[in-house]
Amino acid sequence: MSQERFVGIDVSKELLDVAAAPDGESHTYTNDEKGIRQLVEQLQPIPPALIVLEATGNLEIPVAAALAAAGFQVAIINPRQARDFAKATGRLAKTDKIDAACGRLGAARNGHKALCYTLT
């Protein structure tokens, strides 16, 4: 029996840092139309159960909308919740890759329970 796959994405003005669980894959894409298209194509063969993004001053909206339009379950979480979860799991450093990994870990552990709102 295969495990559900979860993806966390840390969004910045220029980059999308992506981490997947349980496979541990991580990738970086540009935060533009081309990078978002590449991300969607990369996720389609093995669709995740949930993709989590941290709210980032509306920078997350284009990628969240593209993922939802492609049929993925997308959740945008409050940055404070994401940071608190990271601290609770012993991740005290703050980097984009850690944020992405914590997003997918939080999704895997909590599903929709800790989410602010979802796009479907």
N, C-alpha and C. Protein backbone atom coordinates (compact mmCIF):
# COMPACT_ATOMS: atom_id res chain seq x y z
N MET A 1 0.84 -1.18 0.00
CA MET A 1 0.00 0.00 0.00
C MET A 1 0.89 1.24 0.00
N SER A 2 0.65 2.17 -0.90
CA SER A 2 1.48 3.37 -0.96
C SER A 2 0.95 4.44 -0.01
N GLN A 3 1.87 5.26 0.47
CA GLN A 3 1.50 6.35 1.37
C GLN A 3 1.00 7.53 0.56
N GLU A 4 0.15 8.35 1.20
CA GLU A 4 -0.28 9.57 0.55
C GLU A 4 0.91 10.50 0.40
N ARG A 5 0.90 11.27 -0.64
CA ARG A 5 1.98 12.22 -0.91
C ARG A 5 1.49 13.62 -0.57
N PHE A 6 2.34 14.38 0.12
CA PHE A 6 2.03 15.76 0.49
C PHE A 6 3.16 16.65 0.00
N VAL A 7 2.81 17.87 -0.36
CA VAL A 7 3.80 18.82 -0.88
C VAL A 7 3.69 20.14 -0.13
N GLY A 8 4.83 20.69 0.25
CA GLY A 8 4.90 22.02 0.85
C GLY A 8 5.66 22.93 -0.10
N ILE A 9 5.18 24.16 -0.27
CA ILE A 9 5.83 25.11 -1.15
C ILE A 9 6.08 26.40 -0.39
N ASP A 10 7.34 26.81 -0.34
CA ASP A 10 7.69 28.11 0.21
C ASP A 10 7.77 29.07 -0.98
N VAL A 11 6.99 30.14 -0.91
CA VAL A 11 6.88 31.09 -2.03
C VAL A 11 7.64 32.36 -1.70
N SER A 12 8.51 32.77 -2.62
CA SER A 12 9.14 34.08 -2.53
C SER A 12 8.89 34.81 -3.83
N LYS A 13 9.31 36.04 -3.92
CA LYS A 13 9.06 36.84 -5.12
C LYS A 13 9.60 36.16 -6.38
N GLU A 14 10.77 35.54 -6.25
CA GLU A 14 11.42 34.97 -7.43
C GLU A 14 11.39 33.45 -7.52
N LEU A 15 11.27 32.76 -6.38
CA LEU A 15 11.41 31.30 -6.37
C LEU A 15 10.27 30.58 -5.66
N LEU A 16 10.09 29.31 -6.05
CA LEU A 16 9.19 28.39 -5.37
C LEU A 16 10.04 27.22 -4.90
N ASP A 17 10.23 27.08 -3.59
CA ASP A 17 10.96 25.94 -3.04
C ASP A 17 9.92 24.89 -2.67
N VAL A 18 10.08 23.71 -3.25
CA VAL A 18 9.08 22.66 -3.15
C VAL A 18 9.67 21.44 -2.45
N ALA A 19 8.95 20.89 -1.47
CA ALA A 19 9.36 19.67 -0.78
C ALA A 19 8.18 18.72 -0.75
N ALA A 20 8.46 17.44 -1.01
CA ALA A 20 7.40 16.42 -1.04
C ALA A 20 7.66 15.35 0.00
N ALA A 21 6.58 14.79 0.56
CA ALA A 21 6.68 13.68 1.51
C ALA A 21 5.71 12.61 1.02
N PRO A 22 5.98 11.36 1.19
CA PRO A 22 7.06 10.81 2.00
C PRO A 22 8.36 10.61 1.24
N ASP A 23 8.39 10.93 -0.07
CA ASP A 23 9.58 10.62 -0.87
C ASP A 23 10.77 11.52 -0.60
N GLY A 24 10.57 12.67 0.03
CA GLY A 24 11.68 13.55 0.39
C GLY A 24 12.23 14.36 -0.77
N GLU A 25 11.57 14.33 -1.91
CA GLU A 25 12.04 15.11 -3.06
C GLU A 25 11.96 16.60 -2.75
N SER A 26 12.91 17.36 -3.31
CA SER A 26 12.83 18.82 -3.23
C SER A 26 13.32 19.41 -4.54
N HIS A 27 12.66 20.46 -4.95
CA HIS A 27 12.97 21.14 -6.21
C HIS A 27 12.78 22.63 -6.01
N THR A 28 13.39 23.40 -6.88
CA THR A 28 13.19 24.85 -6.89
C THR A 28 12.78 25.25 -8.30
N TYR A 29 11.75 26.09 -8.37
CA TYR A 29 11.24 26.60 -9.64
C TYR A 29 11.20 28.11 -9.57
N THR A 30 11.22 28.75 -10.72
CA THR A 30 11.06 30.21 -10.74
C THR A 30 9.60 30.53 -10.49
N ASN A 31 9.35 31.62 -9.81
CA ASN A 31 7.98 32.04 -9.52
C ASN A 31 7.49 32.93 -10.66
N ASP A 32 7.31 32.31 -11.80
CA ASP A 32 6.77 32.98 -12.98
C ASP A 32 5.95 31.95 -13.75
N GLU A 33 5.37 32.35 -14.87
CA GLU A 33 4.50 31.43 -15.61
C GLU A 33 5.21 30.14 -15.99
N LYS A 34 6.44 30.25 -16.46
CA LYS A 34 7.20 29.07 -16.89
C LYS A 34 7.46 28.13 -15.70
N GLY A 35 7.92 28.68 -14.57
CA GLY A 35 8.20 27.86 -13.40
C GLY A 35 6.95 27.21 -12.84
N ILE A 36 5.86 27.95 -12.80
CA ILE A 36 4.59 27.41 -12.30
C ILE A 36 4.11 26.28 -13.21
N ARG A 37 4.23 26.47 -14.52
CA ARG A 37 3.84 25.42 -15.47
C ARG A 37 4.69 24.16 -15.27
N GLN A 38 6.01 24.35 -15.06
CA GLN A 38 6.90 23.21 -14.81
C GLN A 38 6.51 22.48 -13.52
N LEU A 39 6.17 23.24 -12.49
CA LEU A 39 5.75 22.64 -11.22
C LEU A 39 4.49 21.79 -11.42
N VAL A 40 3.50 22.34 -12.09
CA VAL A 40 2.25 21.60 -12.34
C VAL A 40 2.55 20.31 -13.11
N GLU A 41 3.38 20.40 -14.14
CA GLU A 41 3.73 19.22 -14.93
C GLU A 41 4.47 18.18 -14.08
N GLN A 42 5.33 18.64 -13.18
CA GLN A 42 6.10 17.73 -12.33
C GLN A 42 5.19 16.98 -11.35
N LEU A 43 4.14 17.65 -10.87
CA LEU A 43 3.25 17.05 -9.87
C LEU A 43 2.19 16.13 -10.47
N GLN A 44 1.87 16.29 -11.75
CA GLN A 44 0.76 15.54 -12.34
C GLN A 44 0.93 14.02 -12.34
N PRO A 45 2.11 13.45 -12.59
CA PRO A 45 2.20 11.98 -12.63
C PRO A 45 1.84 11.30 -11.31
N ILE A 46 2.21 11.90 -10.19
CA ILE A 46 1.87 11.34 -8.87
C ILE A 46 1.23 12.47 -8.06
N PRO A 47 -0.06 12.68 -8.23
CA PRO A 47 -0.72 13.83 -7.59
C PRO A 47 -0.68 13.73 -6.06
N PRO A 48 -0.29 14.80 -5.39
CA PRO A 48 -0.30 14.79 -3.93
C PRO A 48 -1.73 14.88 -3.39
N ALA A 49 -1.90 14.37 -2.18
CA ALA A 49 -3.20 14.48 -1.51
C ALA A 49 -3.49 15.93 -1.14
N LEU A 50 -2.43 16.69 -0.85
CA LEU A 50 -2.59 18.09 -0.45
C LEU A 50 -1.30 18.84 -0.73
N ILE A 51 -1.43 20.07 -1.21
CA ILE A 51 -0.31 20.98 -1.41
C ILE A 51 -0.51 22.16 -0.47
N VAL A 52 0.50 22.45 0.35
CA VAL A 52 0.40 23.52 1.34
C VAL A 52 1.36 24.65 0.95
N LEU A 53 0.84 25.87 0.95
CA LEU A 53 1.64 27.06 0.72
C LEU A 53 1.44 28.01 1.89
N GLU A 54 2.46 28.75 2.22
CA GLU A 54 2.37 29.76 3.26
C GLU A 54 1.91 31.06 2.61
N ALA A 55 0.97 31.75 3.25
CA ALA A 55 0.53 33.06 2.75
C ALA A 55 1.73 34.00 2.75
N THR A 56 1.97 34.64 1.61
CA THR A 56 3.18 35.46 1.44
C THR A 56 2.82 36.75 0.73
N GLY A 57 2.01 37.57 1.33
CA GLY A 57 1.68 38.87 0.73
C GLY A 57 1.11 38.78 -0.67
N ASN A 58 0.31 37.77 -0.93
CA ASN A 58 -0.34 37.52 -2.22
C ASN A 58 0.60 36.99 -3.30
N LEU A 59 1.87 36.79 -2.99
CA LEU A 59 2.78 36.18 -3.97
C LEU A 59 2.40 34.74 -4.24
N GLU A 60 1.66 34.12 -3.32
CA GLU A 60 1.27 32.72 -3.46
C GLU A 60 0.06 32.53 -4.37
N ILE A 61 -0.66 33.58 -4.67
CA ILE A 61 -1.93 33.47 -5.40
C ILE A 61 -1.76 32.88 -6.81
N PRO A 62 -0.82 33.33 -7.64
CA PRO A 62 -0.71 32.74 -8.98
C PRO A 62 -0.42 31.23 -8.96
N VAL A 63 0.51 30.80 -8.12
CA VAL A 63 0.82 29.36 -8.09
C VAL A 63 -0.33 28.57 -7.47
N ALA A 64 -0.96 29.10 -6.44
CA ALA A 64 -2.10 28.41 -5.82
C ALA A 64 -3.24 28.28 -6.82
N ALA A 65 -3.51 29.34 -7.57
CA ALA A 65 -4.59 29.31 -8.55
C ALA A 65 -4.29 28.31 -9.68
N ALA A 66 -3.04 28.28 -10.14
CA ALA A 66 -2.66 27.35 -11.20
C ALA A 66 -2.77 25.90 -10.73
N LEU A 67 -2.34 25.65 -9.51
CA LEU A 67 -2.43 24.30 -8.96
C LEU A 67 -3.88 23.87 -8.78
N ALA A 68 -4.72 24.77 -8.27
CA ALA A 68 -6.14 24.45 -8.09
C ALA A 68 -6.81 24.24 -9.45
N ALA A 69 -6.46 25.06 -10.44
CA ALA A 69 -7.04 24.91 -11.78
C ALA A 69 -6.64 23.57 -12.41
N ALA A 70 -5.47 23.06 -12.03
CA ALA A 70 -5.00 21.77 -12.53
C ALA A 70 -5.62 20.60 -11.77
N GLY A 71 -6.46 20.91 -10.78
CA GLY A 71 -7.18 19.86 -10.06
C GLY A 71 -6.56 19.40 -8.76
N PHE A 72 -5.51 20.08 -8.31
CA PHE A 72 -4.87 19.71 -7.05
C PHE A 72 -5.60 20.33 -5.87
N GLN A 73 -5.57 19.64 -4.74
CA GLN A 73 -6.10 20.17 -3.48
C GLN A 73 -5.03 21.10 -2.91
N VAL A 74 -5.35 22.38 -2.73
CA VAL A 74 -4.38 23.39 -2.31
C VAL A 74 -4.85 24.06 -1.03
N ALA A 75 -3.93 24.27 -0.10
CA ALA A 75 -4.25 24.99 1.13
C ALA A 75 -3.22 26.08 1.35
N ILE A 76 -3.68 27.25 1.73
CA ILE A 76 -2.79 28.36 2.06
C ILE A 76 -2.89 28.57 3.56
N ILE A 77 -1.73 28.49 4.23
CA ILE A 77 -1.73 28.57 5.69
C ILE A 77 -1.16 29.88 6.18
N ASN A 78 -1.52 30.21 7.39
CA ASN A 78 -1.01 31.40 8.07
C ASN A 78 0.48 31.21 8.36
N PRO A 79 1.34 32.18 8.02
CA PRO A 79 2.78 32.03 8.27
C PRO A 79 3.12 31.77 9.74
N ARG A 80 2.37 32.35 10.65
CA ARG A 80 2.64 32.13 12.07
C ARG A 80 2.39 30.67 12.45
N GLN A 81 1.33 30.10 11.93
CA GLN A 81 1.06 28.68 12.19
C GLN A 81 2.19 27.81 11.65
N ALA A 82 2.67 28.15 10.47
CA ALA A 82 3.76 27.37 9.87
C ALA A 82 5.02 27.48 10.73
N ARG A 83 5.33 28.67 11.19
CA ARG A 83 6.52 28.88 12.01
C ARG A 83 6.39 28.16 13.36
N ASP A 84 5.21 28.25 13.97
CA ASP A 84 4.98 27.56 15.24
C ASP A 84 5.12 26.05 15.08
N PHE A 85 4.62 25.53 13.96
CA PHE A 85 4.75 24.09 13.71
C PHE A 85 6.22 23.72 13.55
N ALA A 86 6.97 24.53 12.82
CA ALA A 86 8.40 24.26 12.63
C ALA A 86 9.13 24.23 13.97
N LYS A 87 8.84 25.20 14.82
CA LYS A 87 9.47 25.25 16.15
C LYS A 87 9.10 24.01 16.97
N ALA A 88 7.85 23.61 16.88
CA ALA A 88 7.39 22.45 17.66
C ALA A 88 8.06 21.16 17.21
N THR A 89 8.52 21.12 15.97
CA THR A 89 9.20 19.92 15.48
C THR A 89 10.71 20.05 15.59
N GLY A 90 11.18 21.10 16.28
CA GLY A 90 12.61 21.26 16.53
C GLY A 90 13.38 21.96 15.43
N ARG A 91 12.69 22.51 14.46
CA ARG A 91 13.37 23.23 13.37
C ARG A 91 13.40 24.71 13.72
N LEU A 92 14.49 25.13 14.33
CA LEU A 92 14.57 26.51 14.80
C LEU A 92 15.14 27.46 13.75
N ALA A 93 15.89 26.93 12.79
CA ALA A 93 16.43 27.77 11.73
C ALA A 93 15.29 28.19 10.81
N LYS A 94 15.47 29.27 10.08
CA LYS A 94 14.45 29.78 9.16
C LYS A 94 15.06 29.89 7.77
N THR A 95 14.76 28.92 6.91
CA THR A 95 15.18 28.98 5.51
C THR A 95 13.99 28.59 4.65
N ASP A 96 14.05 28.93 3.37
CA ASP A 96 12.95 28.58 2.46
C ASP A 96 12.78 27.07 2.34
N LYS A 97 13.88 26.33 2.30
CA LYS A 97 13.79 24.87 2.18
C LYS A 97 13.18 24.25 3.45
N ILE A 98 13.55 24.78 4.61
CA ILE A 98 12.95 24.30 5.85
C ILE A 98 11.46 24.64 5.88
N ASP A 99 11.10 25.85 5.45
CA ASP A 99 9.69 26.23 5.41
C ASP A 99 8.88 25.29 4.51
N ALA A 100 9.44 24.96 3.34
CA ALA A 100 8.74 24.05 2.43
C ALA A 100 8.60 22.67 3.05
N ALA A 101 9.68 22.19 3.66
CA ALA A 101 9.64 20.86 4.29
C ALA A 101 8.64 20.83 5.44
N CYS A 102 8.60 21.88 6.23
CA CYS A 102 7.65 21.94 7.35
C CYS A 102 6.21 22.02 6.84
N GLY A 103 6.00 22.69 5.72
CA GLY A 103 4.66 22.76 5.14
C GLY A 103 4.16 21.40 4.74
N ARG A 104 5.00 20.61 4.10
CA ARG A 104 4.56 19.28 3.69
C ARG A 104 4.45 18.35 4.88
N LEU A 105 5.32 18.51 5.88
CA LEU A 105 5.24 17.69 7.09
C LEU A 105 3.95 18.02 7.85
N GLY A 106 3.64 19.30 7.96
CA GLY A 106 2.41 19.70 8.63
C GLY A 106 1.18 19.17 7.92
N ALA A 107 1.21 19.19 6.60
CA ALA A 107 0.09 18.64 5.82
C ALA A 107 -0.05 17.15 6.07
N ALA A 108 1.07 16.46 6.09
CA ALA A 108 1.03 15.02 6.30
C ALA A 108 0.49 14.67 7.68
N ARG A 109 0.82 15.47 8.68
CA ARG A 109 0.39 15.17 10.05
C ARG A 109 -1.00 15.68 10.36
N ASN A 110 -1.36 16.84 9.82
CA ASN A 110 -2.59 17.50 10.25
C ASN A 110 -3.66 17.62 9.19
N GLY A 111 -3.32 17.35 7.95
CA GLY A 111 -4.32 17.52 6.89
C GLY A 111 -4.89 18.92 6.91
N HIS A 112 -6.20 19.05 6.85
CA HIS A 112 -6.83 20.36 6.80
C HIS A 112 -7.08 20.98 8.17
N LYS A 113 -6.76 20.28 9.24
CA LYS A 113 -7.12 20.77 10.56
C LYS A 113 -6.48 22.11 10.92
N ALA A 114 -5.25 22.34 10.49
CA ALA A 114 -4.54 23.55 10.90
C ALA A 114 -4.53 24.62 9.82
N LEU A 115 -5.41 24.50 8.85
CA LEU A 115 -5.34 25.39 7.70
C LEU A 115 -6.30 26.55 7.83
N CYS A 116 -5.87 27.67 7.26
CA CYS A 116 -6.72 28.87 7.29
C CYS A 116 -7.83 28.78 6.25
N TYR A 117 -7.47 28.49 5.02
CA TYR A 117 -8.47 28.31 4.00
C TYR A 117 -7.89 27.45 2.89
N THR A 118 -8.75 26.85 2.10
CA THR A 118 -8.28 25.97 1.04
C THR A 118 -8.86 26.41 -0.29
N LEU A 119 -8.15 26.09 -1.34
CA LEU A 119 -8.62 26.32 -2.70
C LEU A 119 -8.88 24.96 -3.32
N THR A 120 -10.02 24.75 -3.91
CA THR A 120 -10.29 23.47 -4.57
C THR A 120 -10.91 23.72 -5.91
